[in-house]
Amino acid sequence: MVVSGVLLVISAPSGAGKLTLLNEIRARKEDRFVTTVSATTRQPRKGEEHGVDYYFVDREAFIARRDRGEFVEWAEVHGNLYGTLNAELDRCLETGKDVILELDVQGMKNLCKLREDVVSVFLMPPSLEELERRLRNRGTDDDDVIALRLKNARNEIGDRHAFDYIVVNDKIEKAASDLEAIIRAERCRADRQP
């Protein structure tokens, strides 16, 4: 019997190293993860296929599906709507592979209201000083943007206890091992067994 995959939601302040961690996890367990196909109202780009790259729908259809509660999460970006369909998420989980969604704190809370199978992980920087150092070393933001990111980080860190797990990203190898342990433990839970 196939045990359904783990639905993992990761949230982190900007600069905490979420992308680096996820790249490390995917490299270690490349065949264990499946990626959901999002729906979007934007037009397909050359070479993109419906159902492979995105589910391309018109704005009215997207809004109708949103209003019927068919999306796990959705957002408007640059005038186009994007979202993850419940049915798509279920399809991916039924493969027995794990699904990782990257959501902000509010997105995680909203998802937890809709689904009981969410395993939430908050990725913490080792300190606010280290977070500021990482943001400055990027060299992409001015002082005002960095100050705003640090302010937002303090608020996000204040919500960390709303998550199932907290992983501190001091060393990427340890953070990846901690995340792998969480996934292993969740796959072994008695209530997940057939």
C-alpha atoms as a PDB file:
ATOM      1  CA  MET A   1       0.000   0.000   0.000  1.00  0.00           C
ATOM      2  CA  VAL A   2       1.149   3.509  -0.806  1.00  0.00           C
ATOM      3  CA  VAL A   3       1.207   5.988   2.057  1.00  0.00           C
ATOM      4  CA  SER A   4       0.243   9.452   0.863  1.00  0.00           C
ATOM      5  CA  GLY A   5       2.977  12.042   0.808  1.00  0.00           C
ATOM      6  CA  VAL A   6       3.629  14.672   3.430  1.00  0.00           C
ATOM      7  CA  LEU A   7       2.267  18.162   2.793  1.00  0.00           C
ATOM      8  CA  LEU A   8       4.998  20.391   4.156  1.00  0.00           C
ATOM      9  CA  VAL A   9       4.659  24.162   4.377  1.00  0.00           C
ATOM     10  CA  ILE A  10       7.809  26.171   4.978  1.00  0.00           C
ATOM     11  CA  SER A  11       7.775  29.803   6.025  1.00  0.00           C
ATOM     12  CA  ALA A  12      10.739  31.999   6.788  1.00  0.00           C
ATOM     13  CA  PRO A  13      11.753  35.622   7.026  1.00  0.00           C
ATOM     14  CA  SER A  14      13.517  37.040   3.995  1.00  0.00           C
ATOM     15  CA  GLY A  15      17.203  36.128   4.246  1.00  0.00           C
ATOM     16  CA  ALA A  16      16.717  33.085   6.494  1.00  0.00           C
ATOM     17  CA  GLY A  17      17.952  30.795   3.703  1.00  0.00           C
ATOM     18  CA  LYS A  18      14.723  29.084   2.645  1.00  0.00           C
ATOM     19  CA  LEU A  19      15.670  28.717  -1.022  1.00  0.00           C
ATOM     20  CA  THR A  20      19.136  27.413  -0.142  1.00  0.00           C
ATOM     21  CA  LEU A  21      17.605  24.886   2.254  1.00  0.00           C
ATOM     22  CA  LEU A  22      14.996  23.711  -0.231  1.00  0.00           C
ATOM     23  CA  ASN A  23      17.624  23.316  -2.951  1.00  0.00           C
ATOM     24  CA  GLU A  24      19.724  21.230  -0.552  1.00  0.00           C
ATOM     25  CA  ILE A  25      16.756  19.030   0.404  1.00  0.00           C
ATOM     26  CA  ARG A  26      15.729  18.510  -3.220  1.00  0.00           C
ATOM     27  CA  ALA A  27      19.300  17.583  -4.155  1.00  0.00           C
ATOM     28  CA  ARG A  28      19.453  15.020  -1.347  1.00  0.00           C
ATOM     29  CA  LYS A  29      16.034  13.488  -2.026  1.00  0.00           C
ATOM     30  CA  GLU A  30      15.364  14.376  -5.634  1.00  0.00           C
ATOM     31  CA  ASP A  31      12.940  11.496  -6.221  1.00  0.00           C
ATOM     32  CA  ARG A  32      10.943  12.015  -2.991  1.00  0.00           C
ATOM     33  CA  PHE A  33       9.294  15.298  -3.971  1.00  0.00           C
ATOM     34  CA  VAL A  34       6.660  16.228  -6.492  1.00  0.00           C
ATOM     35  CA  THR A  35       5.846  19.767  -7.552  1.00  0.00           C
ATOM     36  CA  THR A  36       2.284  20.962  -7.911  1.00  0.00           C
ATOM     37  CA  VAL A  37       1.207  22.609 -11.159  1.00  0.00           C
ATOM     38  CA  SER A  38      -0.266  26.038 -10.416  1.00  0.00           C
ATOM     39  CA  ALA A  39      -3.191  27.675 -12.151  1.00  0.00           C
ATOM     40  CA  THR A  40      -2.690  31.124 -13.660  1.00  0.00           C
ATOM     41  CA  THR A  41      -4.550  33.744 -15.638  1.00  0.00           C
ATOM     42  CA  ARG A  42      -1.465  34.829 -17.545  1.00  0.00           C
ATOM     43  CA  GLN A  43      -0.982  33.835 -21.165  1.00  0.00           C
ATOM     44  CA  PRO A  44       1.271  30.836 -21.927  1.00  0.00           C
ATOM     45  CA  ARG A  45       4.810  31.653 -22.954  1.00  0.00           C
ATOM     46  CA  LYS A  46       6.426  29.977 -25.927  1.00  0.00           C
ATOM     47  CA  GLY A  47       6.936  26.281 -25.195  1.00  0.00           C
ATOM     48  CA  GLU A  48       4.721  26.177 -22.100  1.00  0.00           C
ATOM     49  CA  GLU A  49       2.072  23.474 -21.982  1.00  0.00           C
ATOM     50  CA  HIS A  50      -1.312  23.489 -20.242  1.00  0.00           C
ATOM     51  CA  GLY A  51      -1.271  20.977 -17.394  1.00  0.00           C
ATOM     52  CA  VAL A  52       2.510  20.690 -17.444  1.00  0.00           C
ATOM     53  CA  ASP A  53       3.856  24.169 -16.739  1.00  0.00           C
ATOM     54  CA  TYR A  54       0.586  25.734 -15.535  1.00  0.00           C
ATOM     55  CA  TYR A  55      -3.130  25.289 -15.806  1.00  0.00           C
ATOM     56  CA  PHE A  56      -3.918  28.300 -17.994  1.00  0.00           C
ATOM     57  CA  VAL A  57      -7.397  29.687 -17.292  1.00  0.00           C
ATOM     58  CA  ASP A  58      -9.112  32.985 -17.941  1.00  0.00           C
ATOM     59  CA  ARG A  59      -9.654  35.459 -15.120  1.00  0.00           C
ATOM     60  CA  GLU A  60     -13.393  34.781 -14.798  1.00  0.00           C
ATOM     61  CA  ALA A  61     -12.859  31.025 -14.486  1.00  0.00           C
ATOM     62  CA  PHE A  62     -10.094  31.553 -11.919  1.00  0.00           C
ATOM     63  CA  ILE A  63     -12.281  33.857  -9.818  1.00  0.00           C
ATOM     64  CA  ALA A  64     -15.220  31.436 -10.025  1.00  0.00           C
ATOM     65  CA  ARG A  65     -12.992  28.574  -8.837  1.00  0.00           C
ATOM     66  CA  ARG A  66     -11.564  30.776  -6.092  1.00  0.00           C
ATOM     67  CA  ASP A  67     -15.047  31.726  -4.931  1.00  0.00           C
ATOM     68  CA  ARG A  68     -16.044  28.026  -4.808  1.00  0.00           C
ATOM     69  CA  GLY A  69     -13.068  27.392  -2.512  1.00  0.00           C
ATOM     70  CA  GLU A  70     -11.136  25.255  -4.997  1.00  0.00           C
ATOM     71  CA  PHE A  71      -7.776  26.881  -4.225  1.00  0.00           C
ATOM     72  CA  VAL A  72      -5.515  25.971  -1.323  1.00  0.00           C
ATOM     73  CA  GLU A  73      -3.869  29.349  -1.755  1.00  0.00           C
ATOM     74  CA  TRP A  74      -3.861  32.094  -4.351  1.00  0.00           C
ATOM     75  CA  ALA A  75      -2.349  35.516  -4.987  1.00  0.00           C
ATOM     76  CA  GLU A  76      -2.311  38.284  -7.562  1.00  0.00           C
ATOM     77  CA  VAL A  77       1.141  39.032  -8.964  1.00  0.00           C
ATOM     78  CA  HIS A  78       1.766  41.706 -11.597  1.00  0.00           C
ATOM     79  CA  GLY A  79      -1.904  41.753 -12.569  1.00  0.00           C
ATOM     80  CA  ASN A  80      -2.187  37.976 -13.025  1.00  0.00           C
ATOM     81  CA  LEU A  81      -3.750  35.484 -10.644  1.00  0.00           C
ATOM     82  CA  TYR A  82      -1.835  32.387  -9.508  1.00  0.00           C
ATOM     83  CA  GLY A  83      -2.983  29.612  -7.215  1.00  0.00           C
ATOM     84  CA  THR A  84      -2.674  26.001  -6.099  1.00  0.00           C
ATOM     85  CA  LEU A  85      -5.786  23.913  -6.619  1.00  0.00           C
ATOM     86  CA  ASN A  86      -6.914  21.509  -3.877  1.00  0.00           C
ATOM     87  CA  ALA A  87      -7.425  18.801  -6.511  1.00  0.00           C
ATOM     88  CA  GLU A  88      -3.874  19.295  -7.822  1.00  0.00           C
ATOM     89  CA  LEU A  89      -2.433  19.112  -4.333  1.00  0.00           C
ATOM     90  CA  ASP A  90      -4.384  15.905  -3.627  1.00  0.00           C
ATOM     91  CA  ARG A  91      -3.210  14.423  -6.958  1.00  0.00           C
ATOM     92  CA  CYS A  92       0.411  15.072  -6.020  1.00  0.00           C
ATOM     93  CA  LEU A  93       0.063  13.695  -2.500  1.00  0.00           C
ATOM     94  CA  GLU A  94      -1.617  10.521  -3.796  1.00  0.00           C
ATOM     95  CA  THR A  95       1.595   9.677  -5.666  1.00  0.00           C
ATOM     96  CA  GLY A  96       3.130   8.921  -2.273  1.00  0.00           C
ATOM     97  CA  LYS A  97       5.685  11.672  -2.762  1.00  0.00           C
ATOM     98  CA  ASP A  98       6.058  14.688  -0.522  1.00  0.00           C
ATOM     99  CA  VAL A  99       4.945  18.198  -1.470  1.00  0.00           C
ATOM    100  CA  ILE A 100       6.651  21.330  -0.174  1.00  0.00           C
ATOM    101  CA  LEU A 101       4.801  24.635  -0.389  1.00  0.00           C
ATOM    102  CA  GLU A 102       6.542  27.901   0.389  1.00  0.00           C
ATOM    103  CA  LEU A 103       4.027  30.232   2.021  1.00  0.00           C
ATOM    104  CA  ASP A 104       4.176  33.256   4.267  1.00  0.00           C
ATOM    105  CA  VAL A 105       2.924  32.999   7.852  1.00  0.00           C
ATOM    106  CA  GLN A 106      -0.595  34.151   6.939  1.00  0.00           C
ATOM    107  CA  GLY A 107      -0.722  31.710   4.018  1.00  0.00           C
ATOM    108  CA  MET A 108       0.262  28.869   6.348  1.00  0.00           C
ATOM    109  CA  LYS A 109      -2.466  29.808   8.834  1.00  0.00           C
ATOM    110  CA  ASN A 110      -5.059  29.988   6.071  1.00  0.00           C
ATOM    111  CA  LEU A 111      -3.982  26.615   4.682  1.00  0.00           C
ATOM    112  CA  CYS A 112      -4.193  25.014   8.132  1.00  0.00           C
ATOM    113  CA  LYS A 113      -7.820  26.183   8.375  1.00  0.00           C
ATOM    114  CA  LEU A 114      -8.586  24.375   5.100  1.00  0.00           C
ATOM    115  CA  ARG A 115      -6.594  21.169   5.526  1.00  0.00           C
ATOM    116  CA  GLU A 116      -5.740  18.962   8.481  1.00  0.00           C
ATOM    117  CA  ASP A 117      -2.765  17.251   6.818  1.00  0.00           C
ATOM    118  CA  VAL A 118      -0.434  20.284   6.847  1.00  0.00           C
ATOM    119  CA  VAL A 119       2.950  19.948   8.523  1.00  0.00           C
ATOM    120  CA  SER A 120       4.259  23.460   9.112  1.00  0.00           C
ATOM    121  CA  VAL A 121       7.912  24.379   9.550  1.00  0.00           C
ATOM    122  CA  PHE A 122       9.253  27.806  10.434  1.00  0.00           C
ATOM    123  CA  LEU A 123      12.826  28.416   9.331  1.00  0.00           C
ATOM    124  CA  MET A 124      14.606  30.666  11.809  1.00  0.00           C
ATOM    125  CA  PRO A 125      17.794  32.609  11.271  1.00  0.00           C
ATOM    126  CA  PRO A 126      20.348  31.986  14.044  1.00  0.00           C
ATOM    127  CA  SER A 127      19.940  35.627  15.156  1.00  0.00           C
ATOM    128  CA  LEU A 128      18.613  38.944  13.904  1.00  0.00           C
ATOM    129  CA  GLU A 129      22.202  40.137  13.587  1.00  0.00           C
ATOM    130  CA  GLU A 130      23.033  37.225  11.300  1.00  0.00           C
ATOM    131  CA  LEU A 131      19.848  37.851   9.324  1.00  0.00           C
ATOM    132  CA  GLU A 132      20.851  41.476   8.790  1.00  0.00           C
ATOM    133  CA  ARG A 133      24.343  40.377   7.734  1.00  0.00           C
ATOM    134  CA  ARG A 134      22.852  37.965   5.163  1.00  0.00           C
ATOM    135  CA  LEU A 135      20.513  40.631   3.802  1.00  0.00           C
ATOM    136  CA  ARG A 136      23.361  43.139   3.461  1.00  0.00           C
ATOM    137  CA  ASN A 137      25.669  40.572   1.834  1.00  0.00           C
ATOM    138  CA  ARG A 138      23.106  39.986  -0.898  1.00  0.00           C
ATOM    139  CA  GLY A 139      23.830  43.497  -2.119  1.00  0.00           C
ATOM    140  CA  THR A 140      20.377  43.787  -3.694  1.00  0.00           C
ATOM    141  CA  ASP A 141      18.530  46.076  -1.268  1.00  0.00           C
ATOM    142  CA  ASP A 142      19.094  49.584   0.046  1.00  0.00           C
ATOM    143  CA  ASP A 143      19.036  50.414   3.768  1.00  0.00           C
ATOM    144  CA  ASP A 144      15.308  51.249   3.796  1.00  0.00           C
ATOM    145  CA  VAL A 145      14.371  47.898   2.255  1.00  0.00           C
ATOM    146  CA  ILE A 146      16.656  46.033   4.654  1.00  0.00           C
ATOM    147  CA  ALA A 147      15.091  47.872   7.594  1.00  0.00           C
ATOM    148  CA  LEU A 148      11.615  46.894   6.370  1.00  0.00           C
ATOM    149  CA  ARG A 149      12.681  43.260   5.879  1.00  0.00           C
ATOM    150  CA  LEU A 150      14.083  43.174   9.427  1.00  0.00           C
ATOM    151  CA  LYS A 151      10.888  44.692  10.828  1.00  0.00           C
ATOM    152  CA  ASN A 152       8.822  42.091   8.974  1.00  0.00           C
ATOM    153  CA  ALA A 153      11.180  39.359  10.195  1.00  0.00           C
ATOM    154  CA  ARG A 154      10.598  40.349  13.819  1.00  0.00           C
ATOM    155  CA  ASN A 155       6.832  40.044  13.281  1.00  0.00           C
ATOM    156  CA  GLU A 156       7.197  36.682  11.506  1.00  0.00           C
ATOM    157  CA  ILE A 157       9.506  35.343  14.223  1.00  0.00           C
ATOM    158  CA  GLY A 158       6.863  36.397  16.752  1.00  0.00           C
ATOM    159  CA  ASP A 159       4.479  33.933  15.065  1.00  0.00           C
ATOM    160  CA  ARG A 160       6.916  31.005  15.093  1.00  0.00           C
ATOM    161  CA  HIS A 161       4.992  29.096  17.784  1.00  0.00           C
ATOM    162  CA  ALA A 162       2.007  28.792  15.415  1.00  0.00           C
ATOM    163  CA  PHE A 163       4.097  26.216  13.492  1.00  0.00           C
ATOM    164  CA  ASP A 164       4.514  22.504  14.157  1.00  0.00           C
ATOM    165  CA  TYR A 165       8.310  22.682  13.947  1.00  0.00           C
ATOM    166  CA  ILE A 166      11.053  25.289  14.128  1.00  0.00           C
ATOM    167  CA  VAL A 167      14.340  24.714  12.307  1.00  0.00           C
ATOM    168  CA  VAL A 168      17.250  27.079  12.919  1.00  0.00           C
ATOM    169  CA  ASN A 169      19.301  27.652   9.785  1.00  0.00           C
ATOM    170  CA  ASP A 170      22.763  28.243  11.185  1.00  0.00           C
ATOM    171  CA  LYS A 171      24.554  25.594   9.112  1.00  0.00           C
ATOM    172  CA  ILE A 172      22.758  24.474   5.956  1.00  0.00           C
ATOM    173  CA  GLU A 173      23.803  20.824   6.399  1.00  0.00           C
ATOM    174  CA  LYS A 174      22.278  20.647   9.897  1.00  0.00           C
ATOM    175  CA  ALA A 175      19.114  22.511   8.875  1.00  0.00           C
ATOM    176  CA  ALA A 176      18.660  20.098   5.940  1.00  0.00           C
ATOM    177  CA  SER A 177      19.195  17.102   8.235  1.00  0.00           C
ATOM    178  CA  ASP A 178      16.637  18.508  10.690  1.00  0.00           C
ATOM    179  CA  LEU A 179      14.103  18.988   7.896  1.00  0.00           C
ATOM    180  CA  GLU A 180      14.723  15.449   6.605  1.00  0.00           C
ATOM    181  CA  ALA A 181      14.144  14.128  10.146  1.00  0.00           C
ATOM    182  CA  ILE A 182      10.824  15.971  10.324  1.00  0.00           C
ATOM    183  CA  ILE A 183       9.717  14.477   7.017  1.00  0.00           C
ATOM    184  CA  ARG A 184      10.788  10.964   8.095  1.00  0.00           C
ATOM    185  CA  ALA A 185       8.959  11.321  11.407  1.00  0.00           C
ATOM    186  CA  GLU A 186       5.789  12.566   9.720  1.00  0.00           C
ATOM    187  CA  ARG A 187       5.827   9.687   7.232  1.00  0.00           C
ATOM    188  CA  CYS A 188       6.001   7.238  10.166  1.00  0.00           C
ATOM    189  CA  ARG A 189       3.067   8.673  12.119  1.00  0.00           C
ATOM    190  CA  ALA A 190       0.512   5.997  12.967  1.00  0.00           C
ATOM    191  CA  ASP A 191      -2.389   8.107  11.706  1.00  0.00           C
ATOM    192  CA  ARG A 192      -0.753   8.259   8.250  1.00  0.00           C
ATOM    193  CA  GLN A 193      -0.469   4.487   7.887  1.00  0.00           C
ATOM    194  CA  PRO A 194      -2.972   2.512   5.780  1.00  0.00           C
END
